[in-house]
Full PDB file with SEQRES, HELIX, SHEET, SSBOND, CRYST1, ORIGX, SCALE, CONECT and MASTER records, all heavy atoms in Angstrom:
SEQRES   1 A   31  TRP PRO LEU ASP PRO SER ARG LYS GLU VAL LEU ARG PHE          
SEQRES   2 A   31  ALA ILE SER CYS ARG VAL LEU THR LEU VAL LEU GLN VAL          
SEQRES   3 A   31  LEU THR ARG PHE LEU                                          
HELIX    1 AA1 PRO A    5  PHE A   30  1                                  26    
CRYST1    1.000    1.000    1.000  90.00  90.00  90.00 P 1           1          
ORIGX1      1.000000  0.000000  0.000000        0.00000                         
ORIGX2      0.000000  1.000000  0.000000        0.00000                         
ORIGX3      0.000000  0.000000  1.000000        0.00000                         
SCALE1      1.000000  0.000000  0.000000        0.00000                         
SCALE2      0.000000  1.000000  0.000000        0.00000                         
SCALE3      0.000000  0.000000  1.000000        0.00000                         
ATOM      1  N   TRP A   1      -7.390 -33.586   0.456  1.00  0.00           N  
ATOM      2  CA  TRP A   1      -7.944 -34.859   0.611  1.00  0.00           C  
ATOM      3  C   TRP A   1      -7.172 -35.860  -0.050  1.00  0.00           C  
ATOM      4  O   TRP A   1      -6.593 -35.761  -1.160  1.00  0.00           O  
ATOM      5  CB  TRP A   1      -9.357 -34.780  -0.120  1.00  0.00           C  
ATOM      6  CG  TRP A   1     -10.375 -33.973   0.618  1.00  0.00           C  
ATOM      7  CD1 TRP A   1     -10.553 -32.687   0.489  1.00  0.00           C  
ATOM      8  CD2 TRP A   1     -11.260 -34.356   1.667  1.00  0.00           C  
ATOM      9  NE1 TRP A   1     -11.693 -32.234   1.319  1.00  0.00           N  
ATOM     10  CE2 TRP A   1     -11.861 -33.306   2.075  1.00  0.00           C  
ATOM     11  CE3 TRP A   1     -11.439 -35.575   2.293  1.00  0.00           C  
ATOM     12  CZ2 TRP A   1     -12.915 -33.361   3.094  1.00  0.00           C  
ATOM     13  CZ3 TRP A   1     -12.325 -35.623   3.277  1.00  0.00           C  
ATOM     14  CH2 TRP A   1     -13.134 -34.505   3.769  1.00  0.00           C  
ATOM     15  N   PRO A   2      -7.069 -37.058   0.600  1.00  0.00           N  
ATOM     16  CA  PRO A   2      -6.330 -38.090  -0.193  1.00  0.00           C  
ATOM     17  C   PRO A   2      -7.140 -38.604  -1.458  1.00  0.00           C  
ATOM     18  O   PRO A   2      -8.248 -38.071  -1.590  1.00  0.00           O  
ATOM     19  CB  PRO A   2      -6.163 -39.196   0.855  1.00  0.00           C  
ATOM     20  CG  PRO A   2      -6.797 -38.675   2.262  1.00  0.00           C  
ATOM     21  CD  PRO A   2      -7.403 -37.351   1.957  1.00  0.00           C  
ATOM     22  N   LEU A   3      -6.496 -39.330  -2.318  1.00  0.00           N  
ATOM     23  CA  LEU A   3      -7.247 -39.747  -3.399  1.00  0.00           C  
ATOM     24  C   LEU A   3      -8.251 -40.884  -3.162  1.00  0.00           C  
ATOM     25  O   LEU A   3      -8.744 -41.467  -4.287  1.00  0.00           O  
ATOM     26  CB  LEU A   3      -6.044 -40.318  -4.464  1.00  0.00           C  
ATOM     27  CG  LEU A   3      -5.188 -39.216  -4.894  1.00  0.00           C  
ATOM     28  CD1 LEU A   3      -4.000 -39.931  -5.749  1.00  0.00           C  
ATOM     29  CD2 LEU A   3      -5.829 -38.193  -5.640  1.00  0.00           C  
ATOM     30  N   ASP A   4      -8.674 -41.058  -1.976  1.00  0.00           N  
ATOM     31  CA  ASP A   4      -9.727 -41.999  -1.645  1.00  0.00           C  
ATOM     32  C   ASP A   4     -11.082 -41.420  -2.309  1.00  0.00           C  
ATOM     33  O   ASP A   4     -11.632 -40.427  -1.969  1.00  0.00           O  
ATOM     34  CB  ASP A   4      -9.906 -42.178  -0.165  1.00  0.00           C  
ATOM     35  CG  ASP A   4     -10.949 -43.278   0.163  1.00  0.00           C  
ATOM     36  OD1 ASP A   4     -11.320 -43.982  -0.674  1.00  0.00           O  
ATOM     37  OD2 ASP A   4     -11.281 -43.346   1.390  1.00  0.00           O  
ATOM     38  N   PRO A   5     -11.666 -42.205  -3.246  1.00  0.00           N  
ATOM     39  CA  PRO A   5     -12.893 -41.647  -4.024  1.00  0.00           C  
ATOM     40  C   PRO A   5     -14.091 -41.697  -3.056  1.00  0.00           C  
ATOM     41  O   PRO A   5     -15.015 -40.920  -3.245  1.00  0.00           O  
ATOM     42  CB  PRO A   5     -13.146 -42.689  -5.134  1.00  0.00           C  
ATOM     43  CG  PRO A   5     -12.336 -43.817  -4.812  1.00  0.00           C  
ATOM     44  CD  PRO A   5     -11.235 -43.482  -3.809  1.00  0.00           C  
ATOM     45  N   SER A   6     -14.168 -42.476  -2.045  1.00  0.00           N  
ATOM     46  CA  SER A   6     -15.301 -42.443  -1.209  1.00  0.00           C  
ATOM     47  C   SER A   6     -15.464 -41.142  -0.348  1.00  0.00           C  
ATOM     48  O   SER A   6     -16.593 -40.616  -0.091  1.00  0.00           O  
ATOM     49  CB  SER A   6     -15.359 -43.614  -0.200  1.00  0.00           C  
ATOM     50  OG  SER A   6     -14.282 -43.706   0.664  1.00  0.00           O  
ATOM     51  N   ARG A   7     -14.399 -40.559   0.004  1.00  0.00           N  
ATOM     52  CA  ARG A   7     -14.384 -39.369   0.824  1.00  0.00           C  
ATOM     53  C   ARG A   7     -14.803 -38.169  -0.221  1.00  0.00           C  
ATOM     54  O   ARG A   7     -15.565 -37.265   0.248  1.00  0.00           O  
ATOM     55  CB  ARG A   7     -12.969 -39.012   1.403  1.00  0.00           C  
ATOM     56  CG  ARG A   7     -12.666 -39.876   2.528  1.00  0.00           C  
ATOM     57  CD  ARG A   7     -11.461 -39.432   3.171  1.00  0.00           C  
ATOM     58  NE  ARG A   7     -11.059 -40.149   4.378  1.00  0.00           N  
ATOM     59  CZ  ARG A   7     -10.105 -39.946   5.134  1.00  0.00           C  
ATOM     60  NH1 ARG A   7      -9.314 -38.914   4.914  1.00  0.00           N  
ATOM     61  NH2 ARG A   7      -9.843 -40.675   6.188  1.00  0.00           N  
ATOM     62  N   LYS A   8     -14.418 -38.139  -1.398  1.00  0.00           N  
ATOM     63  CA  LYS A   8     -14.872 -37.063  -2.189  1.00  0.00           C  
ATOM     64  C   LYS A   8     -16.409 -37.284  -2.524  1.00  0.00           C  
ATOM     65  O   LYS A   8     -17.012 -36.326  -2.699  1.00  0.00           O  
ATOM     66  CB  LYS A   8     -14.029 -37.311  -3.653  1.00  0.00           C  
ATOM     67  CG  LYS A   8     -12.561 -36.834  -3.401  1.00  0.00           C  
ATOM     68  CD  LYS A   8     -11.907 -36.922  -4.850  1.00  0.00           C  
ATOM     69  CE  LYS A   8     -10.451 -36.610  -4.594  1.00  0.00           C  
ATOM     70  NZ  LYS A   8      -9.782 -36.549  -5.873  1.00  0.00           N  
ATOM     71  N   GLU A   9     -16.755 -38.485  -2.635  1.00  0.00           N  
ATOM     72  CA  GLU A   9     -18.244 -38.668  -2.885  1.00  0.00           C  
ATOM     73  C   GLU A   9     -19.054 -38.210  -1.680  1.00  0.00           C  
ATOM     74  O   GLU A   9     -20.129 -37.583  -1.788  1.00  0.00           O  
ATOM     75  CB  GLU A   9     -18.621 -40.127  -3.188  1.00  0.00           C  
ATOM     76  CG  GLU A   9     -18.098 -40.518  -4.605  1.00  0.00           C  
ATOM     77  CD  GLU A   9     -18.179 -42.048  -4.814  1.00  0.00           C  
ATOM     78  OE1 GLU A   9     -18.851 -42.592  -3.952  1.00  0.00           O  
ATOM     79  OE2 GLU A   9     -17.691 -42.503  -5.777  1.00  0.00           O  
ATOM     80  N   VAL A  10     -18.582 -38.530  -0.571  1.00  0.00           N  
ATOM     81  CA  VAL A  10     -19.337 -38.094   0.680  1.00  0.00           C  
ATOM     82  C   VAL A  10     -19.240 -36.457   0.934  1.00  0.00           C  
ATOM     83  O   VAL A  10     -20.258 -36.001   1.249  1.00  0.00           O  
ATOM     84  CB  VAL A  10     -18.615 -38.759   1.980  1.00  0.00           C  
ATOM     85  CG1 VAL A  10     -19.060 -38.135   3.217  1.00  0.00           C  
ATOM     86  CG2 VAL A  10     -18.818 -40.172   1.973  1.00  0.00           C  
ATOM     87  N   LEU A  11     -18.097 -35.942   0.518  1.00  0.00           N  
ATOM     88  CA  LEU A  11     -18.043 -34.447   0.511  1.00  0.00           C  
ATOM     89  C   LEU A  11     -18.949 -33.876  -0.540  1.00  0.00           C  
ATOM     90  O   LEU A  11     -19.794 -32.883  -0.205  1.00  0.00           O  
ATOM     91  CB  LEU A  11     -16.600 -34.027   0.303  1.00  0.00           C  
ATOM     92  CG  LEU A  11     -16.339 -32.557   0.240  1.00  0.00           C  
ATOM     93  CD1 LEU A  11     -16.703 -31.900   1.517  1.00  0.00           C  
ATOM     94  CD2 LEU A  11     -14.982 -32.154  -0.206  1.00  0.00           C  
ATOM     95  N   ARG A  12     -18.970 -34.441  -1.591  1.00  0.00           N  
ATOM     96  CA  ARG A  12     -19.871 -33.904  -2.754  1.00  0.00           C  
ATOM     97  C   ARG A  12     -21.412 -34.023  -2.321  1.00  0.00           C  
ATOM     98  O   ARG A  12     -22.249 -33.178  -2.459  1.00  0.00           O  
ATOM     99  CB  ARG A  12     -19.572 -34.599  -4.066  1.00  0.00           C  
ATOM    100  CG  ARG A  12     -20.373 -34.084  -5.188  1.00  0.00           C  
ATOM    101  CD  ARG A  12     -20.199 -34.812  -6.446  1.00  0.00           C  
ATOM    102  NE  ARG A  12     -18.746 -34.979  -6.783  1.00  0.00           N  
ATOM    103  CZ  ARG A  12     -18.307 -36.091  -7.082  1.00  0.00           C  
ATOM    104  NH1 ARG A  12     -18.971 -37.274  -7.235  1.00  0.00           N  
ATOM    105  NH2 ARG A  12     -16.803 -36.164  -7.343  1.00  0.00           N  
ATOM    106  N   PHE A  13     -21.751 -35.176  -1.672  1.00  0.00           N  
ATOM    107  CA  PHE A  13     -23.029 -35.432  -1.278  1.00  0.00           C  
ATOM    108  C   PHE A  13     -23.418 -34.430  -0.063  1.00  0.00           C  
ATOM    109  O   PHE A  13     -24.500 -33.878  -0.036  1.00  0.00           O  
ATOM    110  CB  PHE A  13     -23.132 -36.822  -0.802  1.00  0.00           C  
ATOM    111  CG  PHE A  13     -24.505 -37.210  -0.168  1.00  0.00           C  
ATOM    112  CD1 PHE A  13     -25.722 -37.381  -1.075  1.00  0.00           C  
ATOM    113  CD2 PHE A  13     -24.782 -37.285   1.193  1.00  0.00           C  
ATOM    114  CE1 PHE A  13     -26.871 -37.609  -0.490  1.00  0.00           C  
ATOM    115  CE2 PHE A  13     -26.002 -37.601   1.721  1.00  0.00           C  
ATOM    116  CZ  PHE A  13     -26.999 -37.739   0.852  1.00  0.00           C  
ATOM    117  N   ALA A  14     -22.470 -34.177   0.994  1.00  0.00           N  
ATOM    118  CA  ALA A  14     -22.757 -33.320   2.029  1.00  0.00           C  
ATOM    119  C   ALA A  14     -22.958 -31.889   1.491  1.00  0.00           C  
ATOM    120  O   ALA A  14     -23.944 -31.121   1.994  1.00  0.00           O  
ATOM    121  CB  ALA A  14     -21.708 -33.338   3.127  1.00  0.00           C  
ATOM    122  N   ILE A  15     -22.138 -31.441   0.590  1.00  0.00           N  
ATOM    123  CA  ILE A  15     -22.346 -30.150   0.002  1.00  0.00           C  
ATOM    124  C   ILE A  15     -23.607 -30.026  -0.790  1.00  0.00           C  
ATOM    125  O   ILE A  15     -24.337 -29.013  -0.610  1.00  0.00           O  
ATOM    126  CB  ILE A  15     -21.118 -29.733  -0.847  1.00  0.00           C  
ATOM    127  CG1 ILE A  15     -19.789 -29.535   0.030  1.00  0.00           C  
ATOM    128  CG2 ILE A  15     -21.323 -28.508  -1.646  1.00  0.00           C  
ATOM    129  CD1 ILE A  15     -18.597 -29.273  -0.737  1.00  0.00           C  
ATOM    130  N   SER A  16     -23.995 -30.959  -1.456  1.00  0.00           N  
ATOM    131  CA  SER A  16     -25.208 -30.966  -2.280  1.00  0.00           C  
ATOM    132  C   SER A  16     -26.409 -30.863  -1.380  1.00  0.00           C  
ATOM    133  O   SER A  16     -27.374 -30.135  -1.551  1.00  0.00           O  
ATOM    134  CB  SER A  16     -25.245 -32.104  -3.242  1.00  0.00           C  
ATOM    135  OG  SER A  16     -24.271 -32.247  -4.072  1.00  0.00           O  
ATOM    136  N   CYS A  17     -26.461 -31.643  -0.176  1.00  0.00           N  
ATOM    137  CA  CYS A  17     -27.422 -31.617   0.593  1.00  0.00           C  
ATOM    138  C   CYS A  17     -27.592 -30.378   1.289  1.00  0.00           C  
ATOM    139  O   CYS A  17     -28.707 -29.752   1.468  1.00  0.00           O  
ATOM    140  CB  CYS A  17     -27.325 -32.715   1.722  1.00  0.00           C  
ATOM    141  SG  CYS A  17     -27.650 -34.374   1.127  1.00  0.00           S  
ATOM    142  N   ARG A  18     -26.511 -29.689   1.696  1.00  0.00           N  
ATOM    143  CA  ARG A  18     -26.591 -28.373   2.312  1.00  0.00           C  
ATOM    144  C   ARG A  18     -27.116 -27.307   1.349  1.00  0.00           C  
ATOM    145  O   ARG A  18     -27.880 -26.465   1.808  1.00  0.00           O  
ATOM    146  CB  ARG A  18     -25.182 -27.973   2.871  1.00  0.00           C  
ATOM    147  CG  ARG A  18     -25.087 -26.762   3.524  1.00  0.00           C  
ATOM    148  CD  ARG A  18     -26.042 -26.884   4.887  1.00  0.00           C  
ATOM    149  NE  ARG A  18     -25.979 -25.511   5.532  1.00  0.00           N  
ATOM    150  CZ  ARG A  18     -27.010 -25.250   6.344  1.00  0.00           C  
ATOM    151  NH1 ARG A  18     -27.978 -25.989   6.502  1.00  0.00           N  
ATOM    152  NH2 ARG A  18     -26.976 -23.997   6.891  1.00  0.00           N  
ATOM    153  N   VAL A  19     -26.668 -27.377   0.248  1.00  0.00           N  
ATOM    154  CA  VAL A  19     -27.039 -26.398  -0.778  1.00  0.00           C  
ATOM    155  C   VAL A  19     -28.596 -26.605  -1.002  1.00  0.00           C  
ATOM    156  O   VAL A  19     -29.422 -25.484  -1.159  1.00  0.00           O  
ATOM    157  CB  VAL A  19     -26.332 -26.344  -2.085  1.00  0.00           C  
ATOM    158  CG1 VAL A  19     -26.988 -25.694  -3.218  1.00  0.00           C  
ATOM    159  CG2 VAL A  19     -24.933 -25.922  -1.964  1.00  0.00           C  
ATOM    160  N   LEU A  20     -29.026 -27.834  -1.145  1.00  0.00           N  
ATOM    161  CA  LEU A  20     -30.434 -28.063  -1.447  1.00  0.00           C  
ATOM    162  C   LEU A  20     -31.342 -27.562  -0.206  1.00  0.00           C  
ATOM    163  O   LEU A  20     -32.413 -27.072  -0.421  1.00  0.00           O  
ATOM    164  CB  LEU A  20     -30.670 -29.600  -1.706  1.00  0.00           C  
ATOM    165  CG  LEU A  20     -32.116 -29.951  -1.989  1.00  0.00           C  
ATOM    166  CD1 LEU A  20     -32.717 -29.387  -3.203  1.00  0.00           C  
ATOM    167  CD2 LEU A  20     -32.259 -31.430  -1.903  1.00  0.00           C  
ATOM    168  N   THR A  21     -30.799 -27.802   0.989  1.00  0.00           N  
ATOM    169  CA  THR A  21     -31.542 -27.473   2.212  1.00  0.00           C  
ATOM    170  C   THR A  21     -31.706 -25.859   2.228  1.00  0.00           C  
ATOM    171  O   THR A  21     -32.666 -25.324   2.540  1.00  0.00           O  
ATOM    172  CB  THR A  21     -30.783 -27.890   3.472  1.00  0.00           C  
ATOM    173  OG1 THR A  21     -30.676 -29.273   3.262  1.00  0.00           O  
ATOM    174  CG2 THR A  21     -31.558 -27.468   4.637  1.00  0.00           C  
ATOM    175  N   LEU A  22     -30.557 -25.164   1.864  1.00  0.00           N  
ATOM    176  CA  LEU A  22     -30.583 -23.761   1.924  1.00  0.00           C  
ATOM    177  C   LEU A  22     -31.528 -23.238   0.843  1.00  0.00           C  
ATOM    178  O   LEU A  22     -32.371 -22.287   1.132  1.00  0.00           O  
ATOM    179  CB  LEU A  22     -29.195 -23.172   1.739  1.00  0.00           C  
ATOM    180  CG  LEU A  22     -28.277 -23.316   3.004  1.00  0.00           C  
ATOM    181  CD1 LEU A  22     -26.886 -22.832   2.553  1.00  0.00           C  
ATOM    182  CD2 LEU A  22     -28.824 -22.622   4.171  1.00  0.00           C  
ATOM    183  N   VAL A  23     -31.553 -23.802  -0.314  1.00  0.00           N  
ATOM    184  CA  VAL A  23     -32.425 -23.341  -1.345  1.00  0.00           C  
ATOM    185  C   VAL A  23     -33.972 -23.454  -1.016  1.00  0.00           C  
ATOM    186  O   VAL A  23     -34.756 -22.692  -1.205  1.00  0.00           O  
ATOM    187  CB  VAL A  23     -32.036 -24.035  -2.778  1.00  0.00           C  
ATOM    188  CG1 VAL A  23     -33.245 -23.812  -3.851  1.00  0.00           C  
ATOM    189  CG2 VAL A  23     -30.687 -23.571  -3.355  1.00  0.00           C  
ATOM    190  N   LEU A  24     -34.247 -24.602  -0.414  1.00  0.00           N  
ATOM    191  CA  LEU A  24     -35.558 -24.974   0.019  1.00  0.00           C  
ATOM    192  C   LEU A  24     -35.954 -24.031   1.175  1.00  0.00           C  
ATOM    193  O   LEU A  24     -37.188 -23.547   1.043  1.00  0.00           O  
ATOM    194  CB  LEU A  24     -35.698 -26.377   0.410  1.00  0.00           C  
ATOM    195  CG  LEU A  24     -35.704 -27.325  -0.646  1.00  0.00           C  
ATOM    196  CD1 LEU A  24     -35.693 -28.815  -0.016  1.00  0.00           C  
ATOM    197  CD2 LEU A  24     -36.832 -27.188  -1.548  1.00  0.00           C  
ATOM    198  N   GLN A  25     -35.121 -23.748   2.046  1.00  0.00           N  
ATOM    199  CA  GLN A  25     -35.535 -22.751   3.110  1.00  0.00           C  
ATOM    200  C   GLN A  25     -35.796 -21.331   2.628  1.00  0.00           C  
ATOM    201  O   GLN A  25     -36.737 -20.749   2.827  1.00  0.00           O  
ATOM    202  CB  GLN A  25     -34.324 -22.617   4.216  1.00  0.00           C  
ATOM    203  CG  GLN A  25     -34.402 -23.767   5.182  1.00  0.00           C  
ATOM    204  CD  GLN A  25     -33.199 -23.608   6.107  1.00  0.00           C  
ATOM    205  OE1 GLN A  25     -32.355 -22.630   5.957  1.00  0.00           O  
ATOM    206  NE2 GLN A  25     -33.282 -24.499   7.123  1.00  0.00           N  
ATOM    207  N   VAL A  26     -34.965 -20.935   1.533  1.00  0.00           N  
ATOM    208  CA  VAL A  26     -35.188 -19.564   1.070  1.00  0.00           C  
ATOM    209  C   VAL A  26     -36.458 -19.563   0.248  1.00  0.00           C  
ATOM    210  O   VAL A  26     -37.180 -18.682   0.251  1.00  0.00           O  
ATOM    211  CB  VAL A  26     -33.862 -19.210   0.274  1.00  0.00           C  
ATOM    212  CG1 VAL A  26     -34.165 -17.930  -0.590  1.00  0.00           C  
ATOM    213  CG2 VAL A  26     -32.680 -18.975   1.045  1.00  0.00           C  
ATOM    214  N   LEU A  27     -36.738 -20.645  -0.533  1.00  0.00           N  
ATOM    215  CA  LEU A  27     -37.911 -20.673  -1.367  1.00  0.00           C  
ATOM    216  C   LEU A  27     -39.138 -20.629  -0.475  1.00  0.00           C  
ATOM    217  O   LEU A  27     -40.155 -19.935  -0.866  1.00  0.00           O  
ATOM    218  CB  LEU A  27     -37.881 -21.928  -2.283  1.00  0.00           C  
ATOM    219  CG  LEU A  27     -37.086 -21.855  -3.501  1.00  0.00           C  
ATOM    220  CD1 LEU A  27     -37.132 -23.210  -4.247  1.00  0.00           C  
ATOM    221  CD2 LEU A  27     -37.523 -20.678  -4.425  1.00  0.00           C  
ATOM    222  N   THR A  28     -39.098 -21.443   0.636  1.00  0.00           N  
ATOM    223  CA  THR A  28     -40.351 -21.403   1.441  1.00  0.00           C  
ATOM    224  C   THR A  28     -40.520 -20.056   2.162  1.00  0.00           C  
ATOM    225  O   THR A  28     -41.689 -19.679   2.378  1.00  0.00           O  
ATOM    226  CB  THR A  28     -40.322 -22.515   2.455  1.00  0.00           C  
ATOM    227  OG1 THR A  28     -39.010 -22.491   3.141  1.00  0.00           O  
ATOM    228  CG2 THR A  28     -40.382 -23.996   1.772  1.00  0.00           C  
ATOM    229  N   ARG A  29     -39.506 -19.370   2.457  1.00  0.00           N  
ATOM    230  CA  ARG A  29     -39.624 -18.050   3.168  1.00  0.00           C  
ATOM    231  C   ARG A  29     -40.165 -17.093   2.051  1.00  0.00           C  
ATOM    232  O   ARG A  29     -41.011 -16.298   2.478  1.00  0.00           O  
ATOM    233  CB  ARG A  29     -38.277 -17.515   3.698  1.00  0.00           C  
ATOM    234  CG  ARG A  29     -37.898 -18.219   4.929  1.00  0.00           C  
ATOM    235  CD  ARG A  29     -36.679 -17.551   5.480  1.00  0.00           C  
ATOM    236  NE  ARG A  29     -36.296 -18.334   6.765  1.00  0.00           N  
ATOM    237  CZ  ARG A  29     -35.128 -18.223   7.320  1.00  0.00           C  
ATOM    238  NH1 ARG A  29     -34.291 -17.355   6.911  1.00  0.00           N  
ATOM    239  NH2 ARG A  29     -34.777 -18.872   8.373  1.00  0.00           N  
ATOM    240  N   PHE A  30     -39.736 -17.189   0.823  1.00  0.00           N  
ATOM    241  CA  PHE A  30     -40.322 -16.321  -0.147  1.00  0.00           C  
ATOM    242  C   PHE A  30     -41.661 -16.554  -0.327  1.00  0.00           C  
ATOM    243  O   PHE A  30     -42.492 -15.555  -0.537  1.00  0.00           O  
ATOM    244  CB  PHE A  30     -39.327 -16.352  -1.491  1.00  0.00           C  
ATOM    245  CG  PHE A  30     -38.179 -15.661  -1.421  1.00  0.00           C  
ATOM    246  CD1 PHE A  30     -37.059 -16.051  -2.092  1.00  0.00           C  
ATOM    247  CD2 PHE A  30     -38.004 -14.466  -0.726  1.00  0.00           C  
ATOM    248  CE1 PHE A  30     -35.905 -15.382  -2.082  1.00  0.00           C  
ATOM    249  CE2 PHE A  30     -36.835 -13.711  -0.615  1.00  0.00           C  
ATOM    250  CZ  PHE A  30     -35.706 -14.186  -1.440  1.00  0.00           C  
ATOM    251  N   LEU A  31     -42.003 -17.750  -0.488  1.00  0.00           N  
ATOM    252  CA  LEU A  31     -43.441 -18.178  -0.829  1.00  0.00           C  
ATOM    253  C   LEU A  31     -44.313 -17.789   0.399  1.00  0.00           C  
ATOM    254  O   LEU A  31     -45.428 -17.315   0.136  1.00  0.00           O  
ATOM    255  CB  LEU A  31     -43.572 -19.590  -1.081  1.00  0.00           C  
ATOM    256  CG  LEU A  31     -42.992 -20.035  -2.542  1.00  0.00           C  
ATOM    257  CD1 LEU A  31     -43.204 -21.573  -2.519  1.00  0.00           C  
ATOM    258  CD2 LEU A  31     -43.872 -19.463  -3.496  1.00  0.00           C  
TER     259      LEU A  31                                                      
MASTER        0    0    0    1    0    0    0    6  258    1    0    3          
END                                                                             
């Protein structure tokens, strides 16, 4: 990645959203 901070923030946000989605799916399946 180039040193553009906006791309890093977008990547960090996308990864966080995906992890949160997976955690919520697993939790609702367990419950």
